[in-house]
Amino acid sequence: MLRRVAAGALIALIALCVAWELWLAPLRPGGSLMALKALPLALALGGVLKGRRATYQWASMLILAYFAEGVTRAWSESGTARGLAAMEIVLSLAFFAAAVSYARLTRGAA
């Protein structure tokens, strides 16, 4: 269950990052290179899908940067970007909670 929540939140966050910066509310008209912020998340996806505890551990630290971006942009932006930032906050918190719980649950197995 935790693996599914983590994987689902991670996939949704990758899609959100790309869509946000290319189509929904990009920093520049026509899209921006900020869409590359999804790349570190994509690197973690394979290990998360395979249930690798080490990936869950480092990805739980990485996701905090996305949480911080979401909080910053929810505070500073308006309109569509504010709603997207709120979604980023929710998805990053869901992933963080699932990843930390999974890493803790599998502690004895490692």
PDB file of N, CA and C in Angstrom:
ATOM      1  N   MET A   1       0.819  -1.197   0.000  1.00  0.00           N
ATOM      2  CA  MET A   1       0.000   0.000   0.000  1.00  0.00           C
ATOM      3  C   MET A   1       0.870   1.271   0.000  1.00  0.00           C
ATOM      4  N   LEU A   2       1.899   1.293   0.865  1.00  0.00           N
ATOM      5  CA  LEU A   2       2.782   2.457   0.924  1.00  0.00           C
ATOM      6  C   LEU A   2       3.531   2.656  -0.381  1.00  0.00           C
ATOM      7  N   ARG A   3       3.949   1.553  -0.993  1.00  0.00           N
ATOM      8  CA  ARG A   3       4.645   1.649  -2.278  1.00  0.00           C
ATOM      9  C   ARG A   3       3.733   2.236  -3.337  1.00  0.00           C
ATOM     10  N   ARG A   4       2.470   1.854  -3.327  1.00  0.00           N
ATOM     11  CA  ARG A   4       1.523   2.390  -4.317  1.00  0.00           C
ATOM     12  C   ARG A   4       1.285   3.881  -4.114  1.00  0.00           C
ATOM     13  N   VAL A   5       1.132   4.279  -2.870  1.00  0.00           N
ATOM     14  CA  VAL A   5       0.927   5.703  -2.580  1.00  0.00           C
ATOM     15  C   VAL A   5       2.145   6.503  -3.013  1.00  0.00           C
ATOM     16  N   ALA A   6       3.332   6.013  -2.645  1.00  0.00           N
ATOM     17  CA  ALA A   6       4.568   6.714  -3.004  1.00  0.00           C
ATOM     18  C   ALA A   6       4.726   6.792  -4.519  1.00  0.00           C
ATOM     19  N   ALA A   7       4.536   5.679  -5.202  1.00  0.00           N
ATOM     20  CA  ALA A   7       4.687   5.660  -6.659  1.00  0.00           C
ATOM     21  C   ALA A   7       3.641   6.550  -7.329  1.00  0.00           C
ATOM     22  N   GLY A   8       2.418   6.488  -6.867  1.00  0.00           N
ATOM     23  CA  GLY A   8       1.359   7.317  -7.444  1.00  0.00           C
ATOM     24  C   GLY A   8       1.621   8.797  -7.249  1.00  0.00           C
ATOM     25  N   ALA A   9       2.042   9.171  -6.048  1.00  0.00           N
ATOM     26  CA  ALA A   9       2.344  10.576  -5.772  1.00  0.00           C
ATOM     27  C   ALA A   9       3.541  11.044  -6.601  1.00  0.00           C
ATOM     28  N   LEU A  10       4.537  10.180  -6.743  1.00  0.00           N
ATOM     29  CA  LEU A  10       5.726  10.542  -7.511  1.00  0.00           C
ATOM     30  C   LEU A  10       5.399  10.714  -8.994  1.00  0.00           C
ATOM     31  N   ILE A  11       4.644   9.800  -9.551  1.00  0.00           N
ATOM     32  CA  ILE A  11       4.243   9.902 -10.960  1.00  0.00           C
ATOM     33  C   ILE A  11       3.394  11.154 -11.188  1.00  0.00           C
ATOM     34  N   ALA A  12       2.462  11.401 -10.276  1.00  0.00           N
ATOM     35  CA  ALA A  12       1.617  12.591 -10.405  1.00  0.00           C
ATOM     36  C   ALA A  12       2.441  13.875 -10.281  1.00  0.00           C
ATOM     37  N   LEU A  13       3.437  13.866  -9.403  1.00  0.00           N
ATOM     38  CA  LEU A  13       4.282  15.051  -9.240  1.00  0.00           C
ATOM     39  C   LEU A  13       5.163  15.290 -10.462  1.00  0.00           C
ATOM     40  N   ILE A  14       5.649  14.225 -11.066  1.00  0.00           N
ATOM     41  CA  ILE A  14       6.426  14.365 -12.308  1.00  0.00           C
ATOM     42  C   ILE A  14       5.547  14.986 -13.402  1.00  0.00           C
ATOM     43  N   ALA A  15       4.353  14.439 -13.553  1.00  0.00           N
ATOM     44  CA  ALA A  15       3.423  14.966 -14.567  1.00  0.00           C
ATOM     45  C   ALA A  15       3.063  16.423 -14.277  1.00  0.00           C
ATOM     46  N   LEU A  16       2.833  16.735 -13.013  1.00  0.00           N
ATOM     47  CA  LEU A  16       2.499  18.107 -12.631  1.00  0.00           C
ATOM     48  C   LEU A  16       3.636  19.065 -12.967  1.00  0.00           C
ATOM     49  N   CYS A  17       4.855  18.693 -12.627  1.00  0.00           N
ATOM     50  CA  CYS A  17       6.012  19.565 -12.890  1.00  0.00           C
ATOM     51  C   CYS A  17       6.169  19.856 -14.380  1.00  0.00           C
ATOM     52  N   VAL A  18       6.050  18.827 -15.182  1.00  0.00           N
ATOM     53  CA  VAL A  18       6.209  19.011 -16.627  1.00  0.00           C
ATOM     54  C   VAL A  18       5.065  19.847 -17.194  1.00  0.00           C
ATOM     55  N   ALA A  19       3.838  19.494 -16.857  1.00  0.00           N
ATOM     56  CA  ALA A  19       2.679  20.226 -17.385  1.00  0.00           C
ATOM     57  C   ALA A  19       2.669  21.674 -16.911  1.00  0.00           C
ATOM     58  N   TRP A  20       3.012  21.889 -15.671  1.00  0.00           N
ATOM     59  CA  TRP A  20       3.017  23.227 -15.093  1.00  0.00           C
ATOM     60  C   TRP A  20       3.970  24.140 -15.861  1.00  0.00           C
ATOM     61  N   GLU A  21       5.185  23.678 -16.073  1.00  0.00           N
ATOM     62  CA  GLU A  21       6.205  24.534 -16.669  1.00  0.00           C
ATOM     63  C   GLU A  21       6.175  24.593 -18.199  1.00  0.00           C
ATOM     64  N   LEU A  22       5.450  23.671 -18.826  1.00  0.00           N
ATOM     65  CA  LEU A  22       5.360  23.712 -20.286  1.00  0.00           C
ATOM     66  C   LEU A  22       4.036  24.269 -20.800  1.00  0.00           C
ATOM     67  N   TRP A  23       2.920  23.989 -20.101  1.00  0.00           N
ATOM     68  CA  TRP A  23       1.619  24.360 -20.656  1.00  0.00           C
ATOM     69  C   TRP A  23       0.698  25.114 -19.707  1.00  0.00           C
ATOM     70  N   LEU A  24       0.597  24.689 -18.473  1.00  0.00           N
ATOM     71  CA  LEU A  24      -0.443  25.208 -17.589  1.00  0.00           C
ATOM     72  C   LEU A  24      -0.175  26.633 -17.093  1.00  0.00           C
ATOM     73  N   ALA A  25       1.021  26.888 -16.570  1.00  0.00           N
ATOM     74  CA  ALA A  25       1.370  28.227 -16.074  1.00  0.00           C
ATOM     75  C   ALA A  25       2.885  28.406 -16.092  1.00  0.00           C
ATOM     76  N   PRO A  26       3.485  28.356 -17.282  1.00  0.00           N
ATOM     77  CA  PRO A  26       4.948  28.453 -17.356  1.00  0.00           C
ATOM     78  C   PRO A  26       5.455  29.835 -16.933  1.00  0.00           C
ATOM     79  N   LEU A  27       6.704  29.875 -16.515  1.00  0.00           N
ATOM     80  CA  LEU A  27       7.309  31.148 -16.133  1.00  0.00           C
ATOM     81  C   LEU A  27       7.446  32.077 -17.326  1.00  0.00           C
ATOM     82  N   ARG A  28       7.661  31.493 -18.504  1.00  0.00           N
ATOM     83  CA  ARG A  28       7.760  32.267 -19.748  1.00  0.00           C
ATOM     84  C   ARG A  28       6.731  31.735 -20.741  1.00  0.00           C
ATOM     85  N   PRO A  29       6.160  32.601 -21.554  1.00  0.00           N
ATOM     86  CA  PRO A  29       5.209  32.123 -22.569  1.00  0.00           C
ATOM     87  C   PRO A  29       5.860  31.071 -23.475  1.00  0.00           C
ATOM     88  N   GLY A  30       5.142  30.010 -23.740  1.00  0.00           N
ATOM     89  CA  GLY A  30       5.661  28.941 -24.589  1.00  0.00           C
ATOM     90  C   GLY A  30       6.404  27.867 -23.826  1.00  0.00           C
ATOM     91  N   GLY A  31       6.497  27.991 -22.515  1.00  0.00           N
ATOM     92  CA  GLY A  31       7.180  26.988 -21.709  1.00  0.00           C
ATOM     93  C   GLY A  31       8.546  27.449 -21.253  1.00  0.00           C
ATOM     94  N   SER A  32       9.085  26.751 -20.281  1.00  0.00           N
ATOM     95  CA  SER A  32      10.395  27.125 -19.768  1.00  0.00           C
ATOM     96  C   SER A  32      11.204  25.875 -19.448  1.00  0.00           C
ATOM     97  N   LEU A  33      12.480  26.075 -19.305  1.00  0.00           N
ATOM     98  CA  LEU A  33      13.365  24.961 -18.954  1.00  0.00           C
ATOM     99  C   LEU A  33      13.159  24.500 -17.515  1.00  0.00           C
ATOM    100  N   MET A  34      12.335  25.196 -16.768  1.00  0.00           N
ATOM    101  CA  MET A  34      12.021  24.763 -15.402  1.00  0.00           C
ATOM    102  C   MET A  34      11.359  23.389 -15.402  1.00  0.00           C
ATOM    103  N   ALA A  35      10.872  22.953 -16.552  1.00  0.00           N
ATOM    104  CA  ALA A  35      10.284  21.609 -16.647  1.00  0.00           C
ATOM    105  C   ALA A  35      11.332  20.547 -16.326  1.00  0.00           C
ATOM    106  N   LEU A  36      12.598  20.892 -16.448  1.00  0.00           N
ATOM    107  CA  LEU A  36      13.671  19.950 -16.125  1.00  0.00           C
ATOM    108  C   LEU A  36      13.721  19.616 -14.641  1.00  0.00           C
ATOM    109  N   LYS A  37      12.977  20.368 -13.828  1.00  0.00           N
ATOM    110  CA  LYS A  37      12.946  20.058 -12.407  1.00  0.00           C
ATOM    111  C   LYS A  37      12.321  18.688 -12.139  1.00  0.00           C
ATOM    112  N   ALA A  38      11.644  18.137 -13.121  1.00  0.00           N
ATOM    113  CA  ALA A  38      11.060  16.805 -12.976  1.00  0.00           C
ATOM    114  C   ALA A  38      12.103  15.696 -13.144  1.00  0.00           C
ATOM    115  N   LEU A  39      13.251  16.018 -13.688  1.00  0.00           N
ATOM    116  CA  LEU A  39      14.278  15.007 -13.949  1.00  0.00           C
ATOM    117  C   LEU A  39      14.755  14.269 -12.702  1.00  0.00           C
ATOM    118  N   PRO A  40      15.093  14.939 -11.600  1.00  0.00           N
ATOM    119  CA  PRO A  40      15.495  14.180 -10.406  1.00  0.00           C
ATOM    120  C   PRO A  40      14.407  13.235  -9.901  1.00  0.00           C
ATOM    121  N   LEU A  41      13.162  13.649 -10.042  1.00  0.00           N
ATOM    122  CA  LEU A  41      12.055  12.779  -9.637  1.00  0.00           C
ATOM    123  C   LEU A  41      11.988  11.550 -10.526  1.00  0.00           C
ATOM    124  N   ALA A  42      12.209  11.757 -11.809  1.00  0.00           N
ATOM    125  CA  ALA A  42      12.183  10.636 -12.753  1.00  0.00           C
ATOM    126  C   ALA A  42      13.314   9.655 -12.469  1.00  0.00           C
ATOM    127  N   LEU A  43      14.453  10.158 -12.010  1.00  0.00           N
ATOM    128  CA  LEU A  43      15.562   9.274 -11.657  1.00  0.00           C
ATOM    129  C   LEU A  43      15.212   8.382 -10.464  1.00  0.00           C
ATOM    130  N   ALA A  44      14.400   8.882  -9.570  1.00  0.00           N
ATOM    131  CA  ALA A  44      13.990   8.101  -8.398  1.00  0.00           C
ATOM    132  C   ALA A  44      12.889   7.101  -8.715  1.00  0.00           C
ATOM    133  N   LEU A  45      12.172   7.306  -9.798  1.00  0.00           N
ATOM    134  CA  LEU A  45      10.986   6.501 -10.088  1.00  0.00           C
ATOM    135  C   LEU A  45      11.280   5.011 -10.201  1.00  0.00           C
ATOM    136  N   GLY A  46      12.358   4.635 -10.874  1.00  0.00           N
ATOM    137  CA  GLY A  46      12.683   3.218 -11.037  1.00  0.00           C
ATOM    138  C   GLY A  46      12.879   2.512  -9.707  1.00  0.00           C
ATOM    139  N   GLY A  47      13.654   3.122  -8.829  1.00  0.00           N
ATOM    140  CA  GLY A  47      13.892   2.525  -7.517  1.00  0.00           C
ATOM    141  C   GLY A  47      12.652   2.476  -6.655  1.00  0.00           C
ATOM    142  N   VAL A  48      11.808   3.484  -6.774  1.00  0.00           N
ATOM    143  CA  VAL A  48      10.554   3.493  -6.013  1.00  0.00           C
ATOM    144  C   VAL A  48       9.646   2.365  -6.498  1.00  0.00           C
ATOM    145  N   LEU A  49       9.539   2.210  -7.807  1.00  0.00           N
ATOM    146  CA  LEU A  49       8.681   1.146  -8.348  1.00  0.00           C
ATOM    147  C   LEU A  49       9.194  -0.243  -7.976  1.00  0.00           C
ATOM    148  N   LYS A  50      10.513  -0.395  -7.841  1.00  0.00           N
ATOM    149  CA  LYS A  50      11.102  -1.682  -7.476  1.00  0.00           C
ATOM    150  C   LYS A  50      11.156  -1.898  -5.970  1.00  0.00           C
ATOM    151  N   GLY A  51      10.785  -0.889  -5.199  1.00  0.00           N
ATOM    152  CA  GLY A  51      10.767  -1.025  -3.750  1.00  0.00           C
ATOM    153  C   GLY A  51      12.145  -0.982  -3.109  1.00  0.00           C
ATOM    154  N   ARG A  52      13.081  -0.304  -3.704  1.00  0.00           N
ATOM    155  CA  ARG A  52      14.432  -0.207  -3.144  1.00  0.00           C
ATOM    156  C   ARG A  52      14.444   0.777  -1.977  1.00  0.00           C
ATOM    157  N   ARG A  53      14.752   0.265  -0.826  1.00  0.00           N
ATOM    158  CA  ARG A  53      14.726   1.065   0.399  1.00  0.00           C
ATOM    159  C   ARG A  53      15.638   2.283   0.305  1.00  0.00           C
ATOM    160  N   ALA A  54      16.824   2.118  -0.238  1.00  0.00           N
ATOM    161  CA  ALA A  54      17.763   3.240  -0.348  1.00  0.00           C
ATOM    162  C   ALA A  54      17.190   4.371  -1.199  1.00  0.00           C
ATOM    163  N   THR A  55      16.475   4.026  -2.245  1.00  0.00           N
ATOM    164  CA  THR A  55      15.849   5.056  -3.082  1.00  0.00           C
ATOM    165  C   THR A  55      14.792   5.808  -2.297  1.00  0.00           C
ATOM    166  N   TYR A  56      14.012   5.083  -1.525  1.00  0.00           N
ATOM    167  CA  TYR A  56      13.005   5.736  -0.691  1.00  0.00           C
ATOM    168  C   TYR A  56      13.660   6.692   0.293  1.00  0.00           C
ATOM    169  N   GLN A  57      14.816   6.309   0.818  1.00  0.00           N
ATOM    170  CA  GLN A  57      15.499   7.155   1.793  1.00  0.00           C
ATOM    171  C   GLN A  57      15.991   8.460   1.161  1.00  0.00           C
ATOM    172  N   TRP A  58      16.723   8.373   0.047  1.00  0.00           N
ATOM    173  CA  TRP A  58      17.240   9.617  -0.533  1.00  0.00           C
ATOM    174  C   TRP A  58      16.143  10.429  -1.206  1.00  0.00           C
ATOM    175  N   ALA A  59      15.146   9.750  -1.758  1.00  0.00           N
ATOM    176  CA  ALA A  59      14.052  10.483  -2.408  1.00  0.00           C
ATOM    177  C   ALA A  59      13.206  11.233  -1.378  1.00  0.00           C
ATOM    178  N   SER A  60      13.115  10.704  -0.160  1.00  0.00           N
ATOM    179  CA  SER A  60      12.361  11.410   0.881  1.00  0.00           C
ATOM    180  C   SER A  60      13.045  12.722   1.260  1.00  0.00           C
ATOM    181  N   MET A  61      14.361  12.782   1.101  1.00  0.00           N
ATOM    182  CA  MET A  61      15.069  14.041   1.346  1.00  0.00           C
ATOM    183  C   MET A  61      14.940  14.980   0.134  1.00  0.00           C
ATOM    184  N   LEU A  62      15.017  14.412  -1.050  1.00  0.00           N
ATOM    185  CA  LEU A  62      14.890  15.198  -2.279  1.00  0.00           C
ATOM    186  C   LEU A  62      13.523  15.877  -2.364  1.00  0.00           C
ATOM    187  N   ILE A  63      12.491  15.192  -1.960  1.00  0.00           N
ATOM    188  CA  ILE A  63      11.133  15.699  -2.119  1.00  0.00           C
ATOM    189  C   ILE A  63      10.895  16.963  -1.303  1.00  0.00           C
ATOM    190  N   LEU A  64      11.712  17.171  -0.286  1.00  0.00           N
ATOM    191  CA  LEU A  64      11.552  18.369   0.539  1.00  0.00           C
ATOM    192  C   LEU A  64      11.817  19.650  -0.262  1.00  0.00           C
ATOM    193  N   ALA A  65      12.660  19.564  -1.274  1.00  0.00           N
ATOM    194  CA  ALA A  65      12.895  20.729  -2.143  1.00  0.00           C
ATOM    195  C   ALA A  65      11.629  21.081  -2.928  1.00  0.00           C
ATOM    196  N   TYR A  66      10.878  20.069  -3.342  1.00  0.00           N
ATOM    197  CA  TYR A  66       9.634  20.304  -4.077  1.00  0.00           C
ATOM    198  C   TYR A  66       8.559  20.855  -3.144  1.00  0.00           C
ATOM    199  N   PHE A  67       8.556  20.379  -1.914  1.00  0.00           N
ATOM    200  CA  PHE A  67       7.646  20.939  -0.919  1.00  0.00           C
ATOM    201  C   PHE A  67       7.953  22.424  -0.699  1.00  0.00           C
ATOM    202  N   ALA A  68       9.240  22.746  -0.552  1.00  0.00           N
ATOM    203  CA  ALA A  68       9.646  24.136  -0.333  1.00  0.00           C
ATOM    204  C   ALA A  68       9.275  25.012  -1.531  1.00  0.00           C
ATOM    205  N   GLU A  69       9.469  24.484  -2.741  1.00  0.00           N
ATOM    206  CA  GLU A  69       9.082  25.253  -3.926  1.00  0.00           C
ATOM    207  C   GLU A  69       7.576  25.484  -3.934  1.00  0.00           C
ATOM    208  N   GLY A  70       6.815  24.461  -3.606  1.00  0.00           N
ATOM    209  CA  GLY A  70       5.368  24.598  -3.584  1.00  0.00           C
ATOM    210  C   GLY A  70       4.903  25.650  -2.589  1.00  0.00           C
ATOM    211  N   VAL A  71       5.485  25.645  -1.403  1.00  0.00           N
ATOM    212  CA  VAL A  71       5.120  26.635  -0.384  1.00  0.00           C
ATOM    213  C   VAL A  71       5.497  28.040  -0.854  1.00  0.00           C
ATOM    214  N   THR A  72       6.689  28.174  -1.397  1.00  0.00           N
ATOM    215  CA  THR A  72       7.150  29.483  -1.871  1.00  0.00           C
ATOM    216  C   THR A  72       6.257  30.019  -2.986  1.00  0.00           C
ATOM    217  N   ARG A  73       5.954  29.163  -3.942  1.00  0.00           N
ATOM    218  CA  ARG A  73       5.153  29.626  -5.080  1.00  0.00           C
ATOM    219  C   ARG A  73       3.678  29.799  -4.709  1.00  0.00           C
ATOM    220  N   ALA A  74       3.172  29.029  -3.761  1.00  0.00           N
ATOM    221  CA  ALA A  74       1.794  29.234  -3.298  1.00  0.00           C
ATOM    222  C   ALA A  74       1.680  30.579  -2.598  1.00  0.00           C
ATOM    223  N   TRP A  75       2.724  30.985  -1.927  1.00  0.00           N
ATOM    224  CA  TRP A  75       2.738  32.256  -1.219  1.00  0.00           C
ATOM    225  C   TRP A  75       2.910  33.440  -2.172  1.00  0.00           C
ATOM    226  N   SER A  76       3.741  33.265  -3.199  1.00  0.00           N
ATOM    227  CA  SER A  76       4.124  34.408  -4.028  1.00  0.00           C
ATOM    228  C   SER A  76       3.348  34.557  -5.328  1.00  0.00           C
ATOM    229  N   GLU A  77       2.710  33.505  -5.791  1.00  0.00           N
ATOM    230  CA  GLU A  77       2.022  33.586  -7.073  1.00  0.00           C
ATOM    231  C   GLU A  77       0.510  33.635  -6.865  1.00  0.00           C
ATOM    232  N   SER A  78      -0.199  33.855  -7.973  1.00  0.00           N
ATOM    233  CA  SER A  78      -1.658  33.908  -7.900  1.00  0.00           C
ATOM    234  C   SER A  78      -2.249  33.110  -9.050  1.00  0.00           C
ATOM    235  N   GLY A  79      -3.548  32.968  -9.028  1.00  0.00           N
ATOM    236  CA  GLY A  79      -4.259  32.295 -10.111  1.00  0.00           C
ATOM    237  C   GLY A  79      -3.925  30.820 -10.225  1.00  0.00           C
ATOM    238  N   THR A  80      -3.753  30.374 -11.457  1.00  0.00           N
ATOM    239  CA  THR A  80      -3.499  28.965 -11.748  1.00  0.00           C
ATOM    240  C   THR A  80      -2.230  28.463 -11.064  1.00  0.00           C
ATOM    241  N   ALA A  81      -1.199  29.273 -11.064  1.00  0.00           N
ATOM    242  CA  ALA A  81       0.081  28.868 -10.469  1.00  0.00           C
ATOM    243  C   ALA A  81      -0.073  28.579  -8.978  1.00  0.00           C
ATOM    244  N   ARG A  82      -0.912  29.329  -8.291  1.00  0.00           N
ATOM    245  CA  ARG A  82      -1.135  29.092  -6.861  1.00  0.00           C
ATOM    246  C   ARG A  82      -1.806  27.737  -6.637  1.00  0.00           C
ATOM    247  N   GLY A  83      -2.773  27.413  -7.468  1.00  0.00           N
ATOM    248  CA  GLY A  83      -3.428  26.105  -7.357  1.00  0.00           C
ATOM    249  C   GLY A  83      -2.476  24.958  -7.666  1.00  0.00           C
ATOM    250  N   LEU A  84      -1.626  25.150  -8.664  1.00  0.00           N
ATOM    251  CA  LEU A  84      -0.642  24.124  -9.002  1.00  0.00           C
ATOM    252  C   LEU A  84       0.370  23.951  -7.876  1.00  0.00           C
ATOM    253  N   ALA A  85       0.741  25.054  -7.245  1.00  0.00           N
ATOM    254  CA  ALA A  85       1.662  24.981  -6.114  1.00  0.00           C
ATOM    255  C   ALA A  85       1.026  24.222  -4.952  1.00  0.00           C
ATOM    256  N   ALA A  86      -0.257  24.429  -4.724  1.00  0.00           N
ATOM    257  CA  ALA A  86      -0.951  23.689  -3.664  1.00  0.00           C
ATOM    258  C   ALA A  86      -0.960  22.196  -3.975  1.00  0.00           C
ATOM    259  N   MET A  87      -1.149  21.847  -5.237  1.00  0.00           N
ATOM    260  CA  MET A  87      -1.100  20.436  -5.630  1.00  0.00           C
ATOM    261  C   MET A  87       0.301  19.869  -5.405  1.00  0.00           C
ATOM    262  N   GLU A  88       1.324  20.664  -5.694  1.00  0.00           N
ATOM    263  CA  GLU A  88       2.701  20.225  -5.474  1.00  0.00           C
ATOM    264  C   GLU A  88       2.951  19.965  -3.988  1.00  0.00           C
ATOM    265  N   ILE A  89       2.408  20.812  -3.140  1.00  0.00           N
ATOM    266  CA  ILE A  89       2.553  20.629  -1.694  1.00  0.00           C
ATOM    267  C   ILE A  89       1.904  19.320  -1.257  1.00  0.00           C
ATOM    268  N   VAL A  90       0.685  19.087  -1.695  1.00  0.00           N
ATOM    269  CA  VAL A  90      -0.044  17.876  -1.307  1.00  0.00           C
ATOM    270  C   VAL A  90       0.670  16.623  -1.795  1.00  0.00           C
ATOM    271  N   LEU A  91       1.099  16.622  -3.053  1.00  0.00           N
ATOM    272  CA  LEU A  91       1.777  15.441  -3.610  1.00  0.00           C
ATOM    273  C   LEU A  91       3.123  15.192  -2.952  1.00  0.00           C
ATOM    274  N   SER A  92       3.858  16.253  -2.665  1.00  0.00           N
ATOM    275  CA  SER A  92       5.156  16.057  -2.023  1.00  0.00           C
ATOM    276  C   SER A  92       4.989  15.554  -0.593  1.00  0.00           C
ATOM    277  N   LEU A  93       3.973  16.037   0.113  1.00  0.00           N
ATOM    278  CA  LEU A  93       3.717  15.528   1.459  1.00  0.00           C
ATOM    279  C   LEU A  93       3.261  14.075   1.437  1.00  0.00           C
ATOM    280  N   ALA A  94       2.424  13.727   0.461  1.00  0.00           N
ATOM    281  CA  ALA A  94       1.966  12.336   0.344  1.00  0.00           C
ATOM    282  C   ALA A  94       3.149  11.411   0.067  1.00  0.00           C
ATOM    283  N   PHE A  95       4.014  11.823  -0.847  1.00  0.00           N
ATOM    284  CA  PHE A  95       5.188  10.999  -1.140  1.00  0.00           C
ATOM    285  C   PHE A  95       6.090  10.902   0.078  1.00  0.00           C
ATOM    286  N   PHE A  96       6.351  12.016   0.739  1.00  0.00           N
ATOM    287  CA  PHE A  96       7.236  12.014   1.894  1.00  0.00           C
ATOM    288  C   PHE A  96       6.717  11.074   2.983  1.00  0.00           C
ATOM    289  N   ALA A  97       5.442  11.180   3.296  1.00  0.00           N
ATOM    290  CA  ALA A  97       4.859  10.328   4.344  1.00  0.00           C
ATOM    291  C   ALA A  97       4.948   8.856   3.961  1.00  0.00           C
ATOM    292  N   ALA A  98       4.623   8.533   2.721  1.00  0.00           N
ATOM    293  CA  ALA A  98       4.666   7.134   2.279  1.00  0.00           C
ATOM    294  C   ALA A  98       6.101   6.618   2.230  1.00  0.00           C
ATOM    295  N   ALA A  99       7.030   7.441   1.748  1.00  0.00           N
ATOM    296  CA  ALA A  99       8.421   7.011   1.621  1.00  0.00           C
ATOM    297  C   ALA A  99       9.058   6.786   2.986  1.00  0.00           C
ATOM    298  N   VAL A 100       8.856   7.704   3.907  1.00  0.00           N
ATOM    299  CA  VAL A 100       9.423   7.545   5.249  1.00  0.00           C
ATOM    300  C   VAL A 100       8.795   6.335   5.951  1.00  0.00           C
ATOM    301  N   SER A 101       7.514   6.167   5.810  1.00  0.00           N
ATOM    302  CA  SER A 101       6.842   5.012   6.419  1.00  0.00           C
ATOM    303  C   SER A 101       7.341   3.705   5.829  1.00  0.00           C
ATOM    304  N   TYR A 102       7.517   3.668   4.524  1.00  0.00           N
ATOM    305  CA  TYR A 102       8.018   2.451   3.869  1.00  0.00           C
ATOM    306  C   TYR A 102       9.449   2.153   4.318  1.00  0.00           C
ATOM    307  N   ALA A 103      10.283   3.171   4.368  1.00  0.00           N
ATOM    308  CA  ALA A 103      11.673   2.967   4.801  1.00  0.00           C
ATOM    309  C   ALA A 103      11.712   2.478   6.245  1.00  0.00           C
ATOM    310  N   ARG A 104      10.862   3.013   7.067  1.00  0.00           N
ATOM    311  CA  ARG A 104      10.806   2.581   8.476  1.00  0.00           C
ATOM    312  C   ARG A 104      10.276   1.163   8.589  1.00  0.00           C
ATOM    313  N   LEU A 105       9.275   0.838   7.798  1.00  0.00           N
ATOM    314  CA  LEU A 105       8.669  -0.495   7.832  1.00  0.00           C
ATOM    315  C   LEU A 105       9.645  -1.564   7.360  1.00  0.00           C
ATOM    316  N   THR A 106      10.488  -1.246   6.409  1.00  0.00           N
ATOM    317  CA  THR A 106      11.434  -2.220   5.855  1.00  0.00           C
ATOM    318  C   THR A 106      12.806  -2.155   6.519  1.00  0.00           C
ATOM    319  N   ARG A 107      12.914  -1.438   7.599  1.00  0.00           N
ATOM    320  CA  ARG A 107      14.186  -1.257   8.294  1.00  0.00           C
ATOM    321  C   ARG A 107      14.829  -2.581   8.667  1.00  0.00           C
ATOM    322  N   GLY A 108      14.076  -3.515   9.210  1.00  0.00           N
ATOM    323  CA  GLY A 108      14.615  -4.800   9.628  1.00  0.00           C
ATOM    324  C   GLY A 108      14.995  -5.702   8.473  1.00  0.00           C
ATOM    325  N   ALA A 109      14.385  -5.478   7.311  1.00  0.00           N
ATOM    326  CA  ALA A 109      14.634  -6.339   6.145  1.00  0.00           C
ATOM    327  C   ALA A 109      15.941  -5.989   5.447  1.00  0.00           C
ATOM    328  N   ALA A 110      16.460  -4.791   5.691  1.00  0.00           N
ATOM    329  CA  ALA A 110      17.673  -4.357   4.976  1.00  0.00           C
ATOM    330  C   ALA A 110      18.925  -4.872   5.586  1.00  0.00           C
TER     331      ALA A 110
END
